[in-house]
N, C-alpha and C. Protein backbone atom coordinates (compact mmCIF):
# COMPACT_ATOMS: atom_id res chain seq x y z
N MET A 1 76.97 83.51 114.54
CA MET A 1 75.70 84.27 114.46
C MET A 1 76.29 85.12 113.90
N TYR A 2 75.66 85.93 113.29
CA TYR A 2 75.69 87.48 112.93
C TYR A 2 74.82 88.19 113.95
N SER A 3 75.67 88.48 115.07
CA SER A 3 74.81 89.15 116.20
C SER A 3 74.90 90.61 116.56
N LYS A 4 75.44 91.12 115.66
CA LYS A 4 75.00 92.90 115.77
C LYS A 4 75.34 93.31 114.93
N ASN A 5 74.25 95.06 114.98
CA ASN A 5 74.74 95.15 113.08
C ASN A 5 75.66 96.50 113.97
N LYS A 6 76.87 96.01 112.97
CA LYS A 6 78.15 96.26 112.58
C LYS A 6 78.22 98.02 111.62
N ILE A 7 77.70 98.25 111.32
CA ILE A 7 76.80 98.61 110.33
C ILE A 7 76.89 100.89 111.50
N ASP A 8 76.54 101.05 112.13
CA ASP A 8 76.68 101.60 113.13
C ASP A 8 77.64 101.88 114.16
N ASP A 9 78.47 100.40 114.41
CA ASP A 9 79.39 101.49 115.63
C ASP A 9 80.06 101.65 114.66
N VAL A 10 81.30 102.30 115.28
CA VAL A 10 82.57 102.47 114.74
C VAL A 10 83.67 101.65 115.20
N PRO A 11 84.68 101.13 113.91
CA PRO A 11 85.51 100.44 114.44
C PRO A 11 87.10 100.75 114.55
N LEU A 12 87.69 99.90 115.40
CA LEU A 12 88.92 100.26 115.89
C LEU A 12 89.68 100.57 115.12
N HIS A 13 89.67 99.61 114.07
CA HIS A 13 91.01 99.79 113.12
C HIS A 13 90.60 99.11 111.69
N ILE A 14 90.66 99.81 110.32
CA ILE A 14 89.71 99.75 108.91
C ILE A 14 90.82 99.32 108.28
N PHE A 15 90.97 98.02 107.42
CA PHE A 15 91.97 97.68 106.40
C PHE A 15 91.46 97.80 104.80
N GLU A 16 92.14 98.40 103.97
CA GLU A 16 91.38 99.02 102.77
C GLU A 16 92.90 98.31 102.14
N LEU A 17 92.54 97.82 100.34
CA LEU A 17 92.56 98.14 99.41
C LEU A 17 94.16 99.51 99.46
N ASN A 18 95.77 99.37 99.48
CA ASN A 18 95.95 100.49 99.30
C ASN A 18 96.02 100.80 97.38
N ASN A 19 95.96 102.18 96.73
CA ASN A 19 95.71 102.06 95.77
C ASN A 19 97.01 101.26 94.59
N SER A 20 98.10 101.05 95.00
CA SER A 20 98.82 99.75 94.36
C SER A 20 98.28 98.68 94.11
N ARG A 21 97.95 98.44 94.97
CA ARG A 21 97.34 96.45 94.96
C ARG A 21 95.76 96.92 94.25
N LYS A 22 95.34 97.75 94.49
CA LYS A 22 93.94 97.88 93.31
C LYS A 22 94.80 97.66 91.99
N LEU A 23 95.46 98.41 91.77
CA LEU A 23 96.24 98.09 90.38
C LEU A 23 96.60 97.18 89.90
N ASP A 24 97.15 96.37 91.15
CA ASP A 24 97.60 94.86 90.86
C ASP A 24 96.13 93.96 90.34
N ILE A 25 95.34 94.23 90.81
CA ILE A 25 93.97 93.32 90.45
C ILE A 25 93.51 93.99 89.32
N LEU A 26 93.39 95.38 89.00
CA LEU A 26 92.49 95.48 87.60
C LEU A 26 93.40 95.37 86.42
N ILE A 27 94.83 95.09 86.58
CA ILE A 27 95.24 94.61 85.48
C ILE A 27 95.00 94.06 84.07
N PHE A 28 95.30 92.84 84.95
CA PHE A 28 94.74 91.31 84.24
C PHE A 28 92.76 91.65 83.58
N PRO A 29 92.41 92.28 84.73
CA PRO A 29 90.98 91.82 84.15
C PRO A 29 90.55 93.41 83.04
N LEU A 30 91.40 93.95 83.35
CA LEU A 30 91.30 95.10 82.55
C LEU A 30 91.06 94.97 80.85
N LEU A 31 92.10 94.13 80.93
CA LEU A 31 93.13 93.92 79.51
C LEU A 31 92.38 92.97 78.87
N PHE A 32 91.68 91.82 79.92
CA PHE A 32 90.34 90.58 79.51
C PHE A 32 89.37 92.16 78.91
N ILE A 33 88.98 92.94 79.99
CA ILE A 33 87.51 93.39 79.22
C ILE A 33 88.03 93.59 78.03
N ALA A 34 89.28 94.71 78.21
CA ALA A 34 89.82 95.87 76.64
C ALA A 34 89.47 94.29 75.61
N LEU A 35 90.28 93.03 75.76
CA LEU A 35 90.14 92.04 74.26
C LEU A 35 88.65 91.93 74.71
N CYS A 36 88.00 91.53 75.27
CA CYS A 36 86.17 91.10 74.81
C CYS A 36 85.88 92.07 74.21
N VAL A 37 85.91 93.63 74.49
CA VAL A 37 84.97 94.47 74.10
C VAL A 37 85.54 94.57 72.45
N GLY A 38 86.67 94.28 72.21
CA GLY A 38 87.43 94.66 70.95
C GLY A 38 87.02 93.28 70.26
N VAL A 39 86.71 92.11 70.43
CA VAL A 39 86.36 90.83 70.23
C VAL A 39 84.67 90.50 69.84
N ILE A 40 83.81 91.51 70.53
CA ILE A 40 82.56 92.25 70.40
C ILE A 40 82.31 93.20 69.04
N ILE A 41 83.34 94.05 69.32
CA ILE A 41 83.20 94.62 67.99
C ILE A 41 83.26 94.41 67.33
N ILE A 42 84.35 93.89 67.08
CA ILE A 42 84.80 93.82 65.28
C ILE A 42 83.84 91.84 65.19
N GLY A 43 83.47 91.34 66.11
CA GLY A 43 82.42 90.32 65.25
C GLY A 43 81.22 91.09 64.87
N VAL A 44 80.98 92.26 65.30
CA VAL A 44 79.78 92.49 64.93
C VAL A 44 79.36 93.03 63.53
N LEU A 45 81.07 94.34 63.75
CA LEU A 45 81.43 94.45 62.45
C LEU A 45 81.31 94.02 61.01
N HIS A 46 81.74 92.82 61.28
CA HIS A 46 81.44 91.62 59.91
C HIS A 46 80.70 90.86 60.63
N GLY A 47 79.14 90.80 61.01
CA GLY A 47 78.30 90.58 60.96
C GLY A 47 78.21 89.03 61.36
N VAL A 48 79.56 88.89 62.51
CA VAL A 48 79.33 87.17 63.34
C VAL A 48 78.85 87.73 64.61
N ILE A 49 77.57 86.86 64.59
CA ILE A 49 76.53 87.20 66.00
C ILE A 49 77.32 86.72 67.42
N ALA A 50 77.80 85.65 66.75
CA ALA A 50 78.29 84.47 67.88
C ALA A 50 79.27 85.71 68.88
N SER A 51 79.81 86.98 68.23
CA SER A 51 80.42 86.88 69.65
C SER A 51 79.65 88.19 70.52
N LEU A 52 78.80 87.54 70.42
CA LEU A 52 77.57 88.18 70.97
C LEU A 52 77.31 87.54 72.46
N LEU A 53 77.83 86.72 72.17
CA LEU A 53 77.74 85.46 73.08
C LEU A 53 78.54 86.19 74.25
N LEU A 54 80.02 86.44 74.49
CA LEU A 54 81.00 87.28 74.92
C LEU A 54 80.02 88.43 76.35
N ILE A 55 79.08 88.74 75.83
CA ILE A 55 78.62 89.94 76.55
C ILE A 55 78.22 89.25 78.18
N PRO A 56 78.07 88.35 78.35
CA PRO A 56 77.31 87.84 79.27
C PRO A 56 79.26 87.56 80.33
N ILE A 57 79.86 87.22 79.54
CA ILE A 57 81.09 86.46 80.39
C ILE A 57 81.33 87.65 80.89
N LEU A 58 81.36 88.94 79.52
CA LEU A 58 82.28 90.78 80.03
C LEU A 58 81.44 90.95 81.23
N LEU A 59 80.29 90.81 81.02
CA LEU A 59 79.51 91.61 82.35
C LEU A 59 80.26 90.52 83.57
N GLY A 60 80.20 89.21 83.90
CA GLY A 60 80.18 88.71 84.68
C GLY A 60 81.88 88.69 85.22
N PHE A 61 82.81 88.99 84.08
CA PHE A 61 84.22 89.51 84.69
C PHE A 61 84.14 90.65 85.38
N ILE A 62 83.03 91.57 84.78
CA ILE A 62 83.08 93.22 85.25
C ILE A 62 82.70 93.04 86.47
N TRP A 63 81.66 92.60 87.42
CA TRP A 63 81.53 92.20 88.23
C TRP A 63 82.17 91.56 89.25
N ILE A 64 83.63 90.64 88.97
CA ILE A 64 84.06 90.04 89.68
C ILE A 64 85.02 91.10 90.26
N THR A 65 85.22 91.64 89.02
CA THR A 65 86.13 92.56 88.84
C THR A 65 86.09 94.17 90.20
N ILE A 66 84.69 94.50 90.02
CA ILE A 66 84.29 95.79 91.12
C ILE A 66 84.64 95.07 92.32
N LEU A 67 84.11 93.47 92.79
CA LEU A 67 83.85 93.08 93.89
C LEU A 67 85.45 92.87 94.61
N SER A 68 86.45 92.58 93.54
CA SER A 68 87.79 92.19 94.06
C SER A 68 88.05 93.50 94.81
N VAL A 69 87.85 95.16 94.16
CA VAL A 69 88.69 95.93 94.50
C VAL A 69 87.54 96.45 95.56
N TRP A 70 86.18 96.31 95.46
CA TRP A 70 85.55 96.45 96.53
C TRP A 70 85.60 96.32 97.73
N GLN A 71 86.80 95.67 99.02
CA GLN A 71 87.43 95.11 100.13
C GLN A 71 86.86 95.86 101.69
N LYS A 72 86.67 95.75 102.36
CA LYS A 72 87.47 95.55 103.62
C LYS A 72 87.80 95.19 104.64
N VAL A 73 88.49 95.50 105.67
CA VAL A 73 87.95 94.64 106.90
C VAL A 73 88.26 95.56 108.10
N LEU A 74 86.86 94.97 108.93
CA LEU A 74 87.20 96.16 110.33
C LEU A 74 87.29 95.78 111.34
N ILE A 75 88.51 96.02 112.08
CA ILE A 75 88.12 95.38 113.80
C ILE A 75 87.63 96.46 114.63
N TYR A 76 87.27 94.87 115.16
CA TYR A 76 85.92 95.79 116.32
C TYR A 76 86.27 94.55 117.77
N PRO A 77 86.41 94.89 119.09
CA PRO A 77 86.65 94.20 119.84
C PRO A 77 86.19 93.47 120.51
N ASP A 78 84.87 92.51 119.72
CA ASP A 78 84.45 91.71 119.89
C ASP A 78 84.50 91.28 118.78
N GLY A 79 85.19 91.06 117.62
CA GLY A 79 85.21 90.31 116.45
C GLY A 79 86.33 91.28 115.05
N ILE A 80 85.93 90.45 114.05
CA ILE A 80 86.07 90.85 112.86
C ILE A 80 85.11 91.20 111.94
N VAL A 81 85.29 91.42 110.78
CA VAL A 81 83.97 92.30 109.55
C VAL A 81 84.89 92.53 108.60
N HIS A 82 84.36 91.26 107.53
CA HIS A 82 85.12 91.42 105.83
C HIS A 82 83.88 91.85 105.42
N CYS A 83 83.93 92.96 104.61
CA CYS A 83 83.12 93.38 103.95
C CYS A 83 83.48 93.67 102.38
N GLN A 84 82.66 92.69 101.23
CA GLN A 84 83.29 92.56 100.71
C GLN A 84 81.38 93.08 99.22
N GLY A 85 81.79 93.97 98.97
CA GLY A 85 80.75 94.49 97.81
C GLY A 85 79.18 94.74 98.99
N LYS A 86 78.25 94.51 99.08
CA LYS A 86 77.53 94.38 99.96
C LYS A 86 76.94 93.37 100.97
N ARG A 87 77.79 92.08 101.15
CA ARG A 87 77.75 91.57 102.11
C ARG A 87 79.18 92.22 102.89
N ARG A 88 78.68 91.71 104.15
CA ARG A 88 79.20 91.67 105.34
C ARG A 88 79.27 90.41 106.71
N SER A 89 80.62 89.75 106.66
CA SER A 89 80.66 88.95 106.91
C SER A 89 81.30 89.42 108.67
N PHE A 90 80.51 88.37 109.82
CA PHE A 90 80.89 89.11 110.92
C PHE A 90 81.41 87.87 111.91
N VAL A 91 82.25 87.74 112.40
CA VAL A 91 83.23 86.28 113.24
C VAL A 91 83.63 86.92 114.60
N PRO A 92 83.39 86.39 115.52
CA PRO A 92 83.90 86.96 116.68
C PRO A 92 85.31 86.00 116.93
N TRP A 93 85.43 86.93 117.68
CA TRP A 93 87.34 86.38 118.30
C TRP A 93 87.21 84.88 118.46
N GLU A 94 85.82 84.62 119.42
CA GLU A 94 86.81 83.13 120.04
C GLU A 94 86.21 81.95 119.03
N ASP A 95 85.97 82.66 117.20
CA ASP A 95 84.99 81.42 116.31
C ASP A 95 86.11 81.09 115.91
N LEU A 96 87.20 82.48 115.95
CA LEU A 96 88.29 82.31 114.63
C LEU A 96 88.91 81.01 115.23
N THR A 97 89.77 79.90 114.45
CA THR A 97 90.28 78.57 114.90
C THR A 97 92.34 78.58 114.47
N HIS A 98 92.69 79.51 113.25
CA HIS A 98 93.71 78.88 112.83
C HIS A 98 93.98 79.43 111.76
N ILE A 99 94.65 80.81 111.56
CA ILE A 99 95.44 81.62 110.24
C ILE A 99 95.70 79.36 109.15
N MET A 100 95.46 80.09 107.83
CA MET A 100 95.59 78.89 107.09
C MET A 100 95.66 79.59 105.68
N GLN A 101 96.11 78.89 104.37
CA GLN A 101 96.41 78.79 103.42
C GLN A 101 96.42 77.84 102.83
N PRO A 102 95.35 78.15 102.36
CA PRO A 102 94.33 76.26 101.25
C PRO A 102 94.89 76.30 99.98
N ALA A 103 95.25 77.18 99.56
CA ALA A 103 95.63 77.71 98.78
C ALA A 103 96.82 78.53 98.36
N ARG A 104 97.37 78.33 97.28
CA ARG A 104 98.83 79.15 96.47
C ARG A 104 97.96 81.28 96.24
N GLY A 105 98.79 81.69 97.39
CA GLY A 105 98.26 83.68 97.10
C GLY A 105 96.40 83.05 98.09
N VAL A 106 96.31 82.42 98.49
CA VAL A 106 94.59 82.38 99.26
C VAL A 106 95.28 82.30 101.18
N CYS A 107 94.97 83.08 101.56
CA CYS A 107 95.47 83.67 103.29
C CYS A 107 94.30 83.73 103.33
N GLY A 108 93.97 83.36 104.75
CA GLY A 108 92.62 84.02 105.90
C GLY A 108 92.82 83.17 106.96
N ILE A 109 91.50 83.09 107.53
CA ILE A 109 91.32 82.87 109.34
C ILE A 109 90.15 81.12 109.19
N SER A 110 90.15 80.35 109.27
CA SER A 110 89.54 79.58 109.55
C SER A 110 88.37 79.60 110.52
N THR A 111 87.28 79.25 110.33
CA THR A 111 85.86 79.40 111.85
C THR A 111 86.14 78.08 111.77
N ALA A 112 85.42 78.47 113.45
CA ALA A 112 84.59 76.68 113.98
C ALA A 112 83.19 76.44 113.70
N SER A 113 82.32 77.82 113.52
CA SER A 113 81.12 77.89 112.91
C SER A 113 80.74 78.08 111.95
N THR A 114 79.70 77.99 111.12
CA THR A 114 79.20 78.38 109.50
C THR A 114 79.68 79.99 109.76
N ILE A 115 79.87 80.63 108.71
CA ILE A 115 80.05 81.99 108.51
C ILE A 115 78.71 82.68 108.45
N CYS A 116 77.71 83.59 109.20
CA CYS A 116 76.75 83.86 108.03
C CYS A 116 76.82 85.37 107.93
N ASP A 117 76.51 85.69 106.62
CA ASP A 117 76.33 86.83 106.25
C ASP A 117 75.58 87.75 105.84
N GLU A 118 75.94 89.08 106.31
CA GLU A 118 74.83 90.12 106.22
C GLU A 118 74.79 90.51 104.59
N MET A 119 73.72 90.58 104.15
CA MET A 119 73.70 91.45 102.55
C MET A 119 71.91 92.31 102.48
N GLU A 120 72.91 93.22 102.15
CA GLU A 120 71.62 93.78 101.54
C GLU A 120 71.18 93.65 99.84
N GLY A 121 70.10 93.84 99.77
CA GLY A 121 69.78 93.99 98.02
C GLY A 121 69.07 92.66 97.58
N GLY A 122 68.65 92.26 96.55
CA GLY A 122 67.27 91.04 96.59
C GLY A 122 68.07 89.83 95.84
N MET A 123 67.56 88.61 95.49
CA MET A 123 68.06 87.96 95.54
C MET A 123 69.51 87.43 94.32
N ILE A 124 69.31 88.60 93.03
CA ILE A 124 70.32 88.44 92.14
C ILE A 124 72.07 88.33 93.29
N ILE A 125 71.51 90.47 94.07
CA ILE A 125 72.87 90.52 94.59
C ILE A 125 73.18 89.31 95.25
N LYS A 126 72.25 88.36 96.14
CA LYS A 126 72.66 87.28 97.42
C LYS A 126 73.25 86.33 96.41
N LEU A 127 72.70 85.98 95.01
CA LEU A 127 73.38 84.71 94.02
C LEU A 127 74.45 85.49 93.74
N LEU A 128 74.91 86.96 93.90
CA LEU A 128 76.53 86.81 92.82
C LEU A 128 77.68 87.09 93.62
N HIS A 129 76.94 87.51 95.63
CA HIS A 129 77.68 87.30 96.74
C HIS A 129 77.89 85.80 97.11
N HIS A 130 77.99 84.37 96.52
CA HIS A 130 77.61 83.52 97.02
C HIS A 130 79.21 83.19 97.59
N ARG A 131 79.01 82.97 98.96
CA ARG A 131 79.94 82.18 99.80
C ARG A 131 80.62 81.24 99.34
N TRP A 132 81.86 80.62 98.94
CA TRP A 132 81.94 79.27 98.22
C TRP A 132 82.79 78.43 99.29
N ASN A 133 82.95 78.61 100.34
CA ASN A 133 83.99 78.11 101.96
C ASN A 133 82.81 78.69 102.90
N SER A 134 82.04 78.54 103.34
CA SER A 134 81.35 78.55 104.48
C SER A 134 82.13 78.82 105.79
N ARG A 135 83.07 78.42 106.11
CA ARG A 135 84.12 78.34 107.58
C ARG A 135 85.48 78.55 107.53
N PHE A 136 85.50 79.63 105.86
CA PHE A 136 86.76 80.88 105.92
C PHE A 136 86.42 82.32 105.42
N LEU A 137 87.58 82.71 106.50
CA LEU A 137 87.07 84.34 105.76
C LEU A 137 88.68 83.97 104.86
N MET A 138 88.39 84.90 104.00
CA MET A 138 89.36 85.08 103.20
C MET A 138 89.20 86.31 102.93
N LEU A 139 91.17 86.86 103.64
CA LEU A 139 91.74 87.77 103.68
C LEU A 139 92.82 88.38 102.90
N SER A 140 93.74 87.95 102.07
CA SER A 140 94.68 88.17 101.21
C SER A 140 94.60 88.77 100.16
N ASP A 141 93.27 89.42 99.82
CA ASP A 141 93.00 90.32 99.04
C ASP A 141 93.37 92.11 100.01
N VAL A 142 93.11 91.59 101.26
CA VAL A 142 92.85 93.06 101.94
C VAL A 142 94.56 93.39 102.58
N ILE A 143 94.52 91.91 103.16
CA ILE A 143 95.45 91.99 104.29
C ILE A 143 96.70 91.87 103.70
N HIS A 144 97.94 91.96 103.76
CA HIS A 144 99.13 90.80 103.57
C HIS A 144 99.72 89.98 104.57
N PHE A 145 100.14 88.94 103.72
CA PHE A 145 100.00 87.53 104.57
C PHE A 145 101.31 87.34 104.50
N PRO A 146 102.76 87.60 104.84
CA PRO A 146 103.81 87.49 104.82
C PRO A 146 104.32 85.63 104.25
N VAL A 147 105.00 85.38 103.75
CA VAL A 147 104.98 84.24 103.84
C VAL A 147 106.98 83.66 103.75
N LYS A 148 107.02 82.38 103.57
CA LYS A 148 108.68 81.77 104.32
C LYS A 148 108.32 81.25 103.29
N LEU A 149 110.19 80.53 102.87
CA LEU A 149 109.68 79.47 101.61
C LEU A 149 109.68 78.04 102.53
N PRO A 150 109.39 76.98 101.66
CA PRO A 150 109.30 75.83 102.21
C PRO A 150 111.13 74.96 102.25
N SER A 151 111.79 74.37 103.55
CA SER A 151 112.64 73.96 103.62
C SER A 151 112.90 72.95 102.50
N ASP A 152 111.66 72.48 102.10
CA ASP A 152 111.76 71.29 100.70
C ASP A 152 111.62 72.06 99.50
N TRP A 153 110.72 71.16 98.68
CA TRP A 153 109.82 71.58 97.94
C TRP A 153 108.60 71.65 97.78
N GLY A 154 108.06 71.83 99.31
CA GLY A 154 106.96 72.14 99.83
C GLY A 154 105.88 73.03 99.37
N ARG A 155 104.97 73.59 99.51
CA ARG A 155 104.02 75.02 100.00
C ARG A 155 104.95 76.12 100.04
N TYR A 156 104.51 77.32 99.74
CA TYR A 156 105.27 78.36 100.51
C TYR A 156 104.00 77.81 101.69
N GLN A 157 104.31 78.94 102.87
CA GLN A 157 103.73 78.94 104.67
C GLN A 157 103.90 80.06 105.03
N ILE A 158 102.65 80.34 105.36
CA ILE A 158 102.74 82.15 106.07
C ILE A 158 103.33 81.60 107.13
N ASP A 159 104.23 83.03 107.08
CA ASP A 159 105.11 83.31 108.53
C ASP A 159 104.68 83.70 109.55
N MET A 160 104.23 83.11 110.56
CA MET A 160 104.02 84.03 111.67
C MET A 160 104.39 84.97 112.51
N GLU A 161 105.62 84.45 112.50
CA GLU A 161 106.74 85.64 113.50
C GLU A 161 106.45 87.19 112.47
N GLY A 162 106.03 86.85 111.42
CA GLY A 162 106.56 88.17 110.27
C GLY A 162 105.30 88.39 110.08
N LEU A 163 103.86 87.24 110.55
CA LEU A 163 102.19 88.57 110.64
C LEU A 163 102.08 88.64 111.65
N GLN A 164 103.11 88.11 113.03
CA GLN A 164 102.47 89.29 114.19
C GLN A 164 103.24 90.51 114.24
N GLU A 165 104.69 90.38 113.23
CA GLU A 165 105.28 91.94 113.41
C GLU A 165 104.19 93.22 112.39
N THR A 166 103.15 92.91 111.35
CA THR A 166 102.46 93.43 110.98
C THR A 166 101.35 94.02 111.72
N LYS A 167 101.16 95.55 112.24
CA LYS A 167 99.92 95.93 112.37
C LYS A 167 98.88 95.10 112.30
N PHE A 168 98.56 94.29 111.01
CA PHE A 168 97.16 93.21 111.44
C PHE A 168 97.25 92.13 112.45
N GLY A 169 99.16 91.56 112.20
CA GLY A 169 99.29 90.88 113.22
C GLY A 169 99.04 91.32 114.65
N GLN A 170 99.91 92.07 114.64
CA GLN A 170 99.16 92.62 116.40
C GLN A 170 97.98 92.73 117.17
N ILE A 171 97.31 93.32 116.26
CA ILE A 171 95.73 93.28 116.75
C ILE A 171 95.24 91.61 116.66
N ILE A 172 95.20 90.74 116.10
CA ILE A 172 95.50 89.35 115.64
C ILE A 172 95.28 88.80 117.26
N PHE A 173 96.77 88.90 117.92
CA PHE A 173 97.41 88.83 118.58
C PHE A 173 97.03 89.46 119.95
N ASP A 174 96.56 90.48 119.27
CA ASP A 174 96.00 91.25 121.42
C ASP A 174 94.45 90.85 121.39
N TYR A 175 93.45 90.33 120.18
CA TYR A 175 92.33 89.78 120.49
C TYR A 175 92.14 88.12 119.83
N ALA A 176 93.31 87.52 119.69
CA ALA A 176 92.54 86.16 119.63
C ALA A 176 94.14 85.69 119.45
N PRO A 177 94.77 85.69 120.28
CA PRO A 177 95.93 84.87 120.00
C PRO A 177 96.72 83.55 120.28
N HIS A 178 95.01 82.94 120.35
CA HIS A 178 95.13 81.80 120.99
C HIS A 178 95.17 80.67 119.21
N LEU A 179 95.71 82.11 118.07
CA LEU A 179 95.87 81.54 116.67
C LEU A 179 97.51 81.53 116.05
N PHE A 180 98.32 82.29 117.22
CA PHE A 180 99.43 82.40 117.45
C PHE A 180 100.01 81.01 118.24
N GLU A 181 99.43 80.04 118.52
CA GLU A 181 99.54 79.03 119.39
C GLU A 181 99.80 77.92 118.39
N LYS A 182 100.98 76.80 118.59
CA LYS A 182 101.47 76.31 117.83
C LYS A 182 100.41 74.45 118.39
């Protein structure tokens, strides 16, 4: 459960997207948005009203793009907070179970109990900030997780030794060393 209001506390460390990572995240969405706007404009100029159906898709894609660059991870003595838009997800150190990569390019930390989110805003904001997996804290958009090549033709695996050498890995090792145990 989210037991403390972390907004007033001063974090020990803040991890945010750097500008080059924001650019990497924004390139494809910006191209898609430009394409949709072009199709809508051409469609309206040629009298094709069906092209206006792209507007909700375009607005949804713009919202997802904004959320993906508006993220940060805050480290506190009693836990970790992932902020994405208006959503804040607090997980205490002892609730973290293991570092995992459930899908290609997606890394984070699994939790023992359901993550409770704190959100500002009305029902629309809460629907737009829906958490798809309530026991997984996805951090790979903000934190770099080093990976190692698999010995066979399997999936890439998180390089736990390489992670421990990063600033984030050192903090995790200090507060939650059980994540590095085999």
